[in-house]
Amino acid sequence: MPNWGQVMFQDAASSVMFQLISFHDHTLLVLTLVLTVVTYALLALMANKHVNRYIMEAQTIETVWTILPALILLVLALPSLRILYITDEVGQPSITVKTIGHQWYWSYEYTDFMNVEMDSYMTPTSDLLPGDYRLLEVDNRMVVPMQLEIRMLVTAADVIHSWTVPALGVKVDAVPGRLNQIGFTTTQPGIFYGQCSEICGANHSFMPIVVEAINTKSFMKWVSNFNQ
């Protein structure tokens, strides 16, 4: 969960999100160095009074300011492409969960088990318990085992939605008639909150996502007790 006034990312709960945060910090460092050099050059140009009307070309500096930006772009592009590949890669998933976006709630189907499916509605403010988060709690959380690869199959029944959990580094569109796929692995137990990130209608702000990561033994117990 983000804190009040927080300007940085939430704490990473998956390896992909950890790498995304690292790449963000890496990019900010490069940008800071570039802005520092450019600012210094502008100040130096405005401050000095050196004028030489007979210098027509400066091949050395032109070579430097052509090659250096290309190298900087390469330093940014290579890790970016690597993370882009990682986010799209689904290895050998242990569990597949299908989620369907509706106006305005989510449905979950655990396709590896019989009759494990549910609708997840936002908990009304009047039904919140002490410690619950307003506009973020749901009546049925999506429960997954931690440290196992989870494959999400995402679609929608009416309009375009977006299944997004920032702490997991997951954001995938739910498009009617299309089945999108994404994978994630939680590195620790916990409860992770998200919301629909596509403007999907009047109650767009009221279809939150709650992912609860627990150990494998507790997950199997949850599955066995689901329909009891």
Protein backbone atom coordinates (compact mmCIF):
# COMPACT_ATOMS: atom_id res chain seq x y z
CA MET A 1 0.00 0.00 0.00
CA PRO A 2 1.24 3.50 -0.76
CA ASN A 3 1.56 5.96 2.08
CA TRP A 4 0.00 9.41 2.23
CA GLY A 5 2.10 11.84 0.20
CA GLN A 6 4.26 9.08 -1.25
CA VAL A 7 5.93 10.06 -4.53
CA MET A 8 7.87 6.87 -5.26
CA PHE A 9 6.69 3.39 -6.15
CA GLN A 10 5.11 0.94 -3.76
CA ASP A 11 7.38 -1.70 -2.26
CA ALA A 12 7.98 -4.43 -4.83
CA ALA A 13 6.22 -7.74 -4.17
CA SER A 14 7.51 -9.50 -7.30
CA SER A 15 10.86 -9.82 -9.04
CA VAL A 16 9.54 -8.02 -12.13
CA MET A 17 8.42 -4.99 -10.11
CA PHE A 18 11.79 -4.92 -8.33
CA GLN A 19 13.55 -4.76 -11.70
CA LEU A 20 11.15 -2.07 -12.92
CA ILE A 21 11.96 0.07 -9.89
CA SER A 22 15.70 -0.51 -10.41
CA PHE A 23 15.40 0.53 -14.06
CA HIS A 24 13.44 3.63 -13.03
CA ASP A 25 16.21 4.64 -10.62
CA HIS A 26 18.85 3.89 -13.26
CA THR A 27 17.04 6.10 -15.78
CA LEU A 28 16.66 8.94 -13.29
CA LEU A 29 20.40 8.83 -12.58
CA VAL A 30 21.21 9.10 -16.31
CA LEU A 31 18.72 11.96 -16.71
CA THR A 32 20.21 13.77 -13.74
CA LEU A 33 23.70 13.56 -15.23
CA VAL A 34 22.46 14.78 -18.63
CA LEU A 35 20.55 17.70 -17.10
CA THR A 36 23.59 18.64 -15.00
CA VAL A 37 25.87 18.80 -18.06
CA VAL A 38 23.31 20.70 -20.16
CA THR A 39 22.64 23.20 -17.34
CA TYR A 40 26.35 23.79 -16.83
CA ALA A 41 26.84 24.34 -20.58
CA LEU A 42 23.97 26.83 -20.76
CA LEU A 43 25.25 28.78 -17.75
CA ALA A 44 28.76 28.80 -19.16
CA LEU A 45 27.52 30.13 -22.51
CA MET A 46 25.54 32.89 -20.83
CA ALA A 47 28.31 33.87 -18.43
CA ASN A 48 31.42 34.00 -20.63
CA LYS A 49 32.22 36.73 -23.13
CA HIS A 50 34.66 34.85 -25.32
CA VAL A 51 34.00 35.50 -29.02
CA ASN A 52 35.99 34.17 -31.98
CA ARG A 53 34.55 34.98 -35.37
CA TYR A 54 37.15 32.86 -37.21
CA ILE A 55 36.23 29.40 -35.83
CA MET A 56 34.09 27.92 -38.60
CA GLU A 57 33.95 24.27 -37.45
CA ALA A 58 34.77 22.11 -34.46
CA GLN A 59 34.89 18.50 -35.58
CA THR A 60 35.96 17.13 -32.22
CA ILE A 61 33.02 18.49 -30.26
CA GLU A 62 30.61 17.55 -33.05
CA THR A 63 31.89 13.98 -32.88
CA VAL A 64 31.46 13.91 -29.12
CA TRP A 65 27.91 15.29 -29.08
CA THR A 66 26.90 12.80 -31.77
CA ILE A 67 28.40 9.65 -30.25
CA LEU A 68 27.71 10.42 -26.57
CA PRO A 69 23.87 10.67 -26.88
CA ALA A 70 23.87 7.44 -28.90
CA LEU A 71 25.74 5.68 -26.10
CA ILE A 72 23.36 7.10 -23.50
CA LEU A 73 20.36 5.84 -25.48
CA LEU A 74 22.01 2.42 -25.70
CA VAL A 75 22.53 2.35 -21.93
CA LEU A 76 18.80 3.02 -21.52
CA ALA A 77 17.52 0.79 -24.33
CA LEU A 78 19.25 -2.49 -23.44
CA PRO A 79 17.86 -2.90 -19.88
CA SER A 80 14.49 -1.59 -21.07
CA LEU A 81 14.23 -4.27 -23.77
CA ARG A 82 15.33 -6.92 -21.28
CA ILE A 83 12.58 -5.99 -18.80
CA LEU A 84 10.04 -5.76 -21.64
CA TYR A 85 10.87 -9.34 -22.58
CA ILE A 86 10.68 -10.52 -18.96
CA THR A 87 7.25 -8.96 -18.37
CA ASP A 88 5.85 -10.71 -21.45
CA GLU A 89 7.37 -14.09 -20.67
CA VAL A 90 5.29 -16.78 -18.93
CA GLY A 91 7.42 -19.79 -18.00
CA GLN A 92 5.89 -22.89 -16.47
CA PRO A 93 2.91 -21.63 -14.46
CA SER A 94 1.84 -23.58 -11.39
CA ILE A 95 -1.68 -22.15 -11.39
CA THR A 96 -3.85 -20.47 -14.00
CA VAL A 97 -6.44 -17.91 -12.95
CA LYS A 98 -8.90 -16.44 -15.43
CA THR A 99 -10.32 -13.03 -14.59
CA ILE A 100 -13.25 -11.41 -16.37
CA GLY A 101 -13.97 -7.70 -16.10
CA HIS A 102 -17.60 -6.66 -15.76
CA GLN A 103 -19.34 -3.34 -15.18
CA TRP A 104 -18.32 -3.00 -12.41
CA TYR A 105 -16.73 -5.98 -10.71
CA TRP A 106 -14.28 -8.79 -11.40
CA SER A 107 -14.89 -12.52 -11.75
CA TYR A 108 -12.19 -15.10 -11.03
CA GLU A 109 -12.02 -18.71 -12.21
CA TYR A 110 -9.36 -21.13 -11.00
CA THR A 111 -9.27 -23.39 -14.04
CA ASP A 112 -7.00 -25.99 -12.41
CA PHE A 113 -9.69 -26.85 -9.83
CA MET A 114 -13.30 -27.85 -10.02
CA ASN A 115 -15.95 -25.24 -9.19
CA VAL A 116 -13.54 -22.66 -7.78
CA GLU A 117 -14.92 -19.42 -9.17
CA MET A 118 -16.25 -16.24 -7.61
CA ASP A 119 -17.30 -12.66 -8.18
CA SER A 120 -15.34 -9.92 -6.46
CA TYR A 121 -17.34 -6.79 -5.57
CA MET A 122 -16.14 -3.72 -3.72
CA THR A 123 -17.09 -3.75 -0.03
CA PRO A 124 -19.55 -0.90 0.71
CA THR A 125 -18.37 1.73 3.17
CA SER A 126 -21.09 0.74 5.63
CA ASP A 127 -19.75 -2.85 5.76
CA LEU A 128 -16.08 -2.02 6.33
CA LEU A 129 -14.37 -3.50 9.37
CA PRO A 130 -11.77 -1.65 11.45
CA GLY A 131 -8.52 -1.52 9.48
CA ASP A 132 -10.17 -1.99 6.08
CA TYR A 133 -9.42 0.43 3.26
CA ARG A 134 -12.33 2.36 1.81
CA LEU A 135 -12.87 1.84 -1.94
CA LEU A 136 -10.19 -0.88 -1.99
CA GLU A 137 -11.61 -3.81 -0.02
CA VAL A 138 -13.59 -6.56 -1.76
CA ASP A 139 -15.88 -9.32 -0.55
CA ASN A 140 -13.87 -12.08 -2.29
CA ARG A 141 -10.12 -11.71 -2.60
CA MET A 142 -8.08 -13.41 -5.29
CA VAL A 143 -5.94 -15.87 -3.30
CA VAL A 144 -2.68 -17.18 -4.79
CA PRO A 145 0.25 -19.19 -3.43
CA MET A 146 3.42 -17.17 -2.97
CA GLN A 147 6.71 -17.97 -4.73
CA LEU A 148 4.92 -19.87 -7.49
CA GLU A 149 4.38 -18.73 -11.07
CA ILE A 150 0.79 -17.57 -11.59
CA ARG A 151 -0.63 -17.23 -15.10
CA MET A 152 -3.42 -14.71 -15.51
CA LEU A 153 -5.84 -14.97 -18.40
CA VAL A 154 -7.63 -11.64 -18.66
CA THR A 155 -10.72 -10.76 -20.67
CA ALA A 156 -13.89 -8.68 -20.34
CA ALA A 157 -17.60 -9.29 -20.77
CA ASP A 158 -18.73 -5.81 -21.80
CA VAL A 159 -16.24 -2.95 -22.23
CA ILE A 160 -12.46 -2.61 -21.95
CA HIS A 161 -11.11 -2.86 -18.40
CA SER A 162 -7.54 -3.09 -17.10
CA TRP A 163 -6.40 -5.53 -14.39
CA THR A 164 -3.68 -3.67 -12.51
CA VAL A 165 -1.77 -4.39 -9.29
CA PRO A 166 1.14 -1.91 -8.90
CA ALA A 167 3.04 -3.84 -6.21
CA LEU A 168 3.25 -6.86 -8.52
CA GLY A 169 4.20 -4.88 -11.61
CA VAL A 170 1.12 -6.20 -13.43
CA LYS A 171 -1.08 -4.19 -15.79
CA VAL A 172 -2.98 -5.91 -18.59
CA ASP A 173 -6.03 -4.82 -20.57
CA ALA A 174 -9.24 -6.84 -20.37
CA VAL A 175 -10.71 -6.67 -23.87
CA PRO A 176 -14.03 -8.25 -24.87
CA GLY A 177 -13.48 -11.15 -27.26
CA ARG A 178 -9.75 -11.28 -26.56
CA LEU A 179 -7.81 -13.37 -24.02
CA ASN A 180 -4.68 -11.60 -22.79
CA GLN A 181 -2.04 -13.44 -20.79
CA ILE A 182 0.45 -12.32 -18.18
CA GLY A 183 2.46 -14.03 -15.45
CA PHE A 184 3.73 -13.00 -12.04
CA THR A 185 5.32 -14.52 -8.96
CA THR A 186 4.86 -13.02 -5.52
CA THR A 187 8.06 -13.02 -3.48
CA GLN A 188 6.40 -12.66 -0.08
CA PRO A 189 3.06 -13.15 1.66
CA GLY A 190 0.76 -10.18 1.87
CA ILE A 191 -2.30 -8.39 0.56
CA PHE A 192 -1.81 -6.29 -2.56
CA TYR A 193 -4.33 -3.75 -3.83
CA GLY A 194 -5.07 -2.52 -7.31
CA GLN A 195 -7.82 -0.91 -9.34
CA CYS A 196 -9.17 -0.95 -12.87
CA SER A 197 -6.88 1.36 -14.86
CA GLU A 198 -9.09 1.82 -17.90
CA ILE A 199 -11.99 4.30 -17.87
CA CYS A 200 -14.84 1.81 -18.18
CA GLY A 201 -17.94 3.77 -17.21
CA ALA A 202 -19.73 5.50 -14.36
CA ASN A 203 -18.48 3.15 -11.61
CA HIS A 204 -14.94 2.81 -12.94
CA SER A 205 -13.56 3.90 -9.56
CA PHE A 206 -15.46 1.21 -7.69
CA MET A 207 -14.07 -2.08 -8.98
CA PRO A 208 -10.91 -2.66 -6.93
CA ILE A 209 -8.59 -5.67 -7.08
CA VAL A 210 -7.23 -7.45 -4.00
CA VAL A 211 -4.61 -10.19 -4.34
CA GLU A 212 -3.80 -12.18 -1.20
CA ALA A 213 -0.58 -14.19 -1.34
CA ILE A 214 -0.29 -17.05 1.17
CA ASN A 215 1.87 -20.14 1.54
CA THR A 216 1.10 -23.23 -0.54
CA LYS A 217 -0.30 -25.29 2.34
CA SER A 218 -2.75 -22.54 3.30
CA PHE A 219 -3.72 -22.11 -0.34
CA MET A 220 -4.59 -25.78 -0.77
CA LYS A 221 -6.62 -25.59 2.43
CA TRP A 222 -8.44 -22.54 1.05
CA VAL A 223 -9.23 -24.40 -2.16
CA SER A 224 -10.48 -27.50 -0.34
CA ASN A 225 -12.74 -25.38 1.89
CA PHE A 226 -13.96 -23.10 -0.90
CA ASN A 227 -17.31 -24.75 -1.54
CA GLN A 228 -18.00 -25.87 2.00
